[in-house]
C-alpha atoms as a PDB file:
ATOM      1  CA  MET A   1      42.702  42.561 -39.070  1.00  0.00           C
ATOM      2  CA  ARG A   2      44.548  43.590 -35.910  1.00  0.00           C
ATOM      3  CA  TRP A   3      45.928  41.175 -33.417  1.00  0.00           C
ATOM      4  CA  ALA A   4      45.949  41.917 -29.723  1.00  0.00           C
ATOM      5  CA  PRO A   5      49.049  41.349 -27.627  1.00  0.00           C
ATOM      6  CA  ARG A   6      49.463  37.854 -26.276  1.00  0.00           C
ATOM      7  CA  ALA A   7      47.538  37.310 -23.037  1.00  0.00           C
ATOM      8  CA  THR A   8      49.508  36.788 -19.867  1.00  0.00           C
ATOM      9  CA  ALA A   9      49.656  33.122 -18.911  1.00  0.00           C
ATOM     10  CA  LYS A  10      47.661  32.292 -15.819  1.00  0.00           C
ATOM     11  CA  PRO A  11      49.174  29.902 -13.321  1.00  0.00           C
ATOM     12  CA  VAL A  12      47.507  26.525 -12.948  1.00  0.00           C
ATOM     13  CA  ASP A  13      46.866  25.177  -9.473  1.00  0.00           C
ATOM     14  CA  ALA A  14      48.113  21.678  -8.740  1.00  0.00           C
ATOM     15  CA  PRO A  15      45.255  19.220  -8.197  1.00  0.00           C
ATOM     16  CA  GLY A  16      43.914  18.404  -4.763  1.00  0.00           C
ATOM     17  CA  GLN A  17      44.670  15.118  -3.039  1.00  0.00           C
ATOM     18  CA  PRO A  18      42.953  12.014  -4.470  1.00  0.00           C
ATOM     19  CA  ARG A  19      40.906  10.269  -1.795  1.00  0.00           C
ATOM     20  CA  GLU A  20      39.994   6.866  -0.396  1.00  0.00           C
ATOM     21  CA  LEU A  21      42.368   4.559  -2.256  1.00  0.00           C
ATOM     22  CA  ARG A  22      41.414   0.903  -1.862  1.00  0.00           C
ATOM     23  CA  SER A  23      42.039  -2.445  -3.487  1.00  0.00           C
ATOM     24  CA  ASP A  24      38.849  -4.155  -4.633  1.00  0.00           C
ATOM     25  CA  LEU A  25      40.386  -7.182  -6.410  1.00  0.00           C
ATOM     26  CA  GLU A  26      43.471  -9.249  -5.706  1.00  0.00           C
ATOM     27  CA  THR A  27      44.392 -12.438  -7.565  1.00  0.00           C
ATOM     28  CA  ALA A  28      47.651 -14.351  -8.040  1.00  0.00           C
ATOM     29  CA  ASP A  29      49.452 -11.464  -9.783  1.00  0.00           C
ATOM     30  CA  THR A  30      46.765  -8.811 -10.330  1.00  0.00           C
ATOM     31  CA  VAL A  31      45.511  -5.973  -8.178  1.00  0.00           C
ATOM     32  CA  ARG A  32      42.725  -3.507  -8.993  1.00  0.00           C
ATOM     33  CA  LEU A  33      42.993  -0.090  -7.340  1.00  0.00           C
ATOM     34  CA  VAL A  34      40.084   2.309  -7.025  1.00  0.00           C
ATOM     35  CA  TRP A  35      40.089   5.844  -5.588  1.00  0.00           C
ATOM     36  CA  ARG A  36      38.016   9.017  -5.556  1.00  0.00           C
ATOM     37  CA  SER A  37      38.957  12.165  -7.440  1.00  0.00           C
ATOM     38  CA  PRO A  38      40.066  15.187  -5.407  1.00  0.00           C
ATOM     39  CA  ALA A  39      37.250  17.049  -3.686  1.00  0.00           C
ATOM     40  CA  ALA A  40      35.751  19.936  -5.664  1.00  0.00           C
ATOM     41  CA  GLY A  41      37.492  23.235  -4.994  1.00  0.00           C
ATOM     42  CA  THR A  42      40.711  21.681  -3.653  1.00  0.00           C
ATOM     43  CA  GLY A  43      42.930  22.487  -6.629  1.00  0.00           C
ATOM     44  CA  GLY A  44      43.203  22.422 -10.391  1.00  0.00           C
ATOM     45  CA  ARG A  45      41.775  19.858 -12.762  1.00  0.00           C
ATOM     46  CA  VAL A  46      43.477  16.440 -12.814  1.00  0.00           C
ATOM     47  CA  ARG A  47      45.281  15.580 -16.040  1.00  0.00           C
ATOM     48  CA  THR A  48      46.714  12.188 -15.057  1.00  0.00           C
ATOM     49  CA  TYR A  49      47.067   9.951 -12.047  1.00  0.00           C
ATOM     50  CA  VAL A  50      50.455   8.417 -11.292  1.00  0.00           C
ATOM     51  CA  ILE A  51      50.350   5.056  -9.526  1.00  0.00           C
ATOM     52  CA  GLU A  52      53.380   4.309  -7.366  1.00  0.00           C
ATOM     53  CA  ARG A  53      54.474   1.121  -5.622  1.00  0.00           C
ATOM     54  CA  ARG A  54      57.085   0.163  -3.072  1.00  0.00           C
ATOM     55  CA  GLN A  55      57.895  -3.210  -1.569  1.00  0.00           C
ATOM     56  CA  ARG A  56      59.363  -4.618   1.579  1.00  0.00           C
ATOM     57  CA  PRO A  57      62.476  -6.717   0.949  1.00  0.00           C
ATOM     58  CA  GLU A  58      62.085 -10.337   2.030  1.00  0.00           C
ATOM     59  CA  SER A  59      65.002 -10.188   4.480  1.00  0.00           C
ATOM     60  CA  VAL A  60      63.513  -7.464   6.714  1.00  0.00           C
ATOM     61  CA  ASP A  61      62.418  -8.219  10.281  1.00  0.00           C
ATOM     62  CA  ASP A  62      58.845  -6.855  10.541  1.00  0.00           C
ATOM     63  CA  GLN A  63      59.063  -6.075  14.261  1.00  0.00           C
ATOM     64  CA  THR A  64      62.046  -3.705  14.070  1.00  0.00           C
ATOM     65  CA  ALA A  65      61.935  -2.308  10.534  1.00  0.00           C
ATOM     66  CA  GLY A  66      59.260   0.386  10.466  1.00  0.00           C
ATOM     67  CA  ASP A  67      58.689   2.603   7.406  1.00  0.00           C
ATOM     68  CA  THR A  68      62.376   2.655   6.360  1.00  0.00           C
ATOM     69  CA  ALA A  69      62.296  -1.055   5.495  1.00  0.00           C
ATOM     70  CA  PHE A  70      60.477  -0.404   2.223  1.00  0.00           C
ATOM     71  CA  SER A  71      62.138   0.294  -1.098  1.00  0.00           C
ATOM     72  CA  PRO A  72      61.723   3.815  -2.548  1.00  0.00           C
ATOM     73  CA  TRP A  73      58.422   4.676  -4.232  1.00  0.00           C
ATOM     74  CA  ARG A  74      58.514   3.905  -7.979  1.00  0.00           C
ATOM     75  CA  GLN A  75      56.052   4.809 -10.688  1.00  0.00           C
ATOM     76  CA  VAL A  76      54.371   1.678 -12.047  1.00  0.00           C
ATOM     77  CA  GLU A  77      51.560   3.074 -14.199  1.00  0.00           C
ATOM     78  CA  LEU A  78      49.568   6.110 -15.361  1.00  0.00           C
ATOM     79  CA  ALA A  79      45.781   6.409 -15.395  1.00  0.00           C
ATOM     80  CA  PHE A  80      43.277   8.924 -16.692  1.00  0.00           C
ATOM     81  CA  ASP A  81      40.372   7.627 -14.605  1.00  0.00           C
ATOM     82  CA  PRO A  82      40.199   6.900 -10.858  1.00  0.00           C
ATOM     83  CA  ALA A  83      40.637   3.119 -11.206  1.00  0.00           C
ATOM     84  CA  ILE A  84      43.230   0.785 -12.686  1.00  0.00           C
ATOM     85  CA  THR A  85      43.976  -2.937 -12.900  1.00  0.00           C
ATOM     86  CA  LEU A  86      47.665  -3.778 -12.525  1.00  0.00           C
ATOM     87  CA  GLU A  87      48.760  -7.153 -13.872  1.00  0.00           C
ATOM     88  CA  SER A  88      52.025  -9.080 -13.478  1.00  0.00           C
ATOM     89  CA  GLN A  89      52.675  -7.679 -10.014  1.00  0.00           C
ATOM     90  CA  PRO A  90      55.332  -9.271  -7.752  1.00  0.00           C
ATOM     91  CA  ARG A  91      54.039 -12.291  -5.838  1.00  0.00           C
ATOM     92  CA  GLY A  92      54.751 -13.294  -2.267  1.00  0.00           C
ATOM     93  CA  GLN A  93      55.946  -9.847  -1.173  1.00  0.00           C
ATOM     94  CA  GLN A  94      54.399  -7.093   0.889  1.00  0.00           C
ATOM     95  CA  LEU A  95      53.571  -4.245  -1.519  1.00  0.00           C
ATOM     96  CA  GLU A  96      52.214  -0.754  -0.901  1.00  0.00           C
ATOM     97  CA  TYR A  97      50.492   1.410  -3.504  1.00  0.00           C
ATOM     98  CA  ARG A  98      49.570   5.094  -3.606  1.00  0.00           C
ATOM     99  CA  VAL A  99      48.213   7.524  -6.208  1.00  0.00           C
ATOM    100  CA  ILE A 100      49.261  11.106  -7.009  1.00  0.00           C
ATOM    101  CA  ALA A 101      47.227  13.416  -9.264  1.00  0.00           C
ATOM    102  CA  HIS A 102      49.148  15.613 -11.739  1.00  0.00           C
ATOM    103  CA  ASN A 103      48.544  18.561 -14.061  1.00  0.00           C
ATOM    104  CA  ARG A 104      50.660  21.440 -15.433  1.00  0.00           C
ATOM    105  CA  GLY A 105      50.621  23.019 -11.968  1.00  0.00           C
ATOM    106  CA  GLY A 106      52.426  20.034 -10.450  1.00  0.00           C
ATOM    107  CA  PRO A 107      51.640  16.988  -8.311  1.00  0.00           C
ATOM    108  CA  SER A 108      49.065  16.626  -5.563  1.00  0.00           C
ATOM    109  CA  PRO A 109      49.747  15.155  -2.151  1.00  0.00           C
ATOM    110  CA  PRO A 110      49.582  11.331  -2.355  1.00  0.00           C
ATOM    111  CA  THR A 111      46.572   9.261  -1.337  1.00  0.00           C
ATOM    112  CA  ASN A 112      46.572   6.948   1.614  1.00  0.00           C
ATOM    113  CA  THR A 113      48.579   3.790   1.004  1.00  0.00           C
ATOM    114  CA  VAL A 114      47.093   0.358   0.372  1.00  0.00           C
ATOM    115  CA  GLU A 115      48.988  -2.734   1.502  1.00  0.00           C
ATOM    116  CA  VAL A 116      48.749  -5.864  -0.657  1.00  0.00           C
ATOM    117  CA  VAL A 117      50.363  -9.317  -0.538  1.00  0.00           C
ATOM    118  CA  LEU A 118      49.666 -11.363  -3.676  1.00  0.00           C
END
């Protein structure tokens, strides 16, 4: 039996941007996030979704702070489907969530952000 030379690796496109992130459940310390997969033809296949969160420190003046008042984005969870329930989330603080799709080609642009106060 003869073996052929190894095929040249084909580059993988990063996934397209996930769409329409929203929160459809908020309780004392739980938030459920739901979003739509990237539109067909906008990139490679999604392998995982990374859920990120940032929060506004309690000592910030809302009228003068703007976007810089938030902490840096931090990964809080991974998902394989376009929905997740996050438990034990910080209470009494303004939180923002976003989702980024990933595959071997890299990350997608992030979704819109969703603001939550539990």
